[in-house]
Amino acid sequence: MKLVKGKVCGHGKGFAFVRGEEFGEDDILIGGNEVGRGMNGERVMVGVREK
């Protein structure tokens, strides 16, 4: 599992993206049922499973 540091970019429809801090990292979609208490602009670390 890869760990990615980034900022939460929330959407009004309940889902969010995490924008990685490292150059070239893709945004990570966080489904509405996985957002939890994440706040817009908050710095987080998320685990990403490799395909």
Protein backbone atom coordinates (compact mmCIF):
# COMPACT_ATOMS: atom_id res chain seq x y z
CA MET A 1 0.00 0.00 0.00
CA LYS A 2 1.29 3.43 -0.95
CA LEU A 3 0.80 6.36 1.47
CA VAL A 4 0.04 9.76 -0.06
CA LYS A 5 0.13 13.11 1.77
CA GLY A 6 -2.16 15.80 0.45
CA LYS A 7 -5.01 18.25 1.01
CA VAL A 8 -8.72 17.47 1.01
CA CYS A 9 -10.71 19.25 -1.71
CA GLY A 10 -14.35 18.70 -0.76
CA HIS A 11 -17.31 18.84 -3.13
CA GLY A 12 -20.84 19.93 -2.26
CA LYS A 13 -22.23 16.54 -3.35
CA GLY A 14 -20.46 14.78 -0.48
CA PHE A 15 -17.37 13.31 -2.14
CA ALA A 16 -13.85 14.73 -2.09
CA PHE A 17 -10.47 14.55 -3.74
CA VAL A 18 -7.08 14.42 -2.09
CA ARG A 19 -4.52 16.42 -4.03
CA GLY A 20 -1.10 14.90 -3.47
CA GLU A 21 1.76 17.14 -2.31
CA GLU A 22 4.34 15.45 -4.54
CA PHE A 23 4.70 16.74 -8.10
CA GLY A 24 3.03 14.47 -10.65
CA GLU A 25 0.75 12.60 -8.24
CA ASP A 26 -2.81 12.05 -9.45
CA ASP A 27 -5.76 13.34 -7.44
CA ILE A 28 -7.38 10.60 -5.37
CA LEU A 29 -11.18 10.32 -5.34
CA ILE A 30 -12.69 9.74 -1.91
CA GLY A 31 -16.29 8.51 -2.10
CA GLY A 32 -18.97 10.14 0.05
CA ASN A 33 -19.19 7.12 2.35
CA GLU A 34 -15.40 7.28 2.95
CA VAL A 35 -14.96 11.02 3.59
CA GLY A 36 -15.95 10.80 7.25
CA ARG A 37 -15.10 14.02 9.06
CA GLY A 38 -12.52 15.21 6.54
CA MET A 39 -12.68 18.99 6.13
CA ASN A 40 -11.95 21.00 3.01
CA GLY A 41 -8.31 22.16 3.01
CA GLU A 42 -7.25 19.72 5.74
CA ARG A 43 -3.89 17.98 5.32
CA VAL A 44 -4.27 14.19 5.36
CA MET A 45 -2.44 10.96 4.62
CA VAL A 46 -4.32 8.30 2.67
CA GLY A 47 -3.44 4.73 1.81
CA VAL A 48 -3.72 3.75 -1.86
CA ARG A 49 -3.72 0.16 -3.03
CA GLU A 50 -1.66 -0.51 -6.14
CA LYS A 51 -3.36 -2.26 -9.06
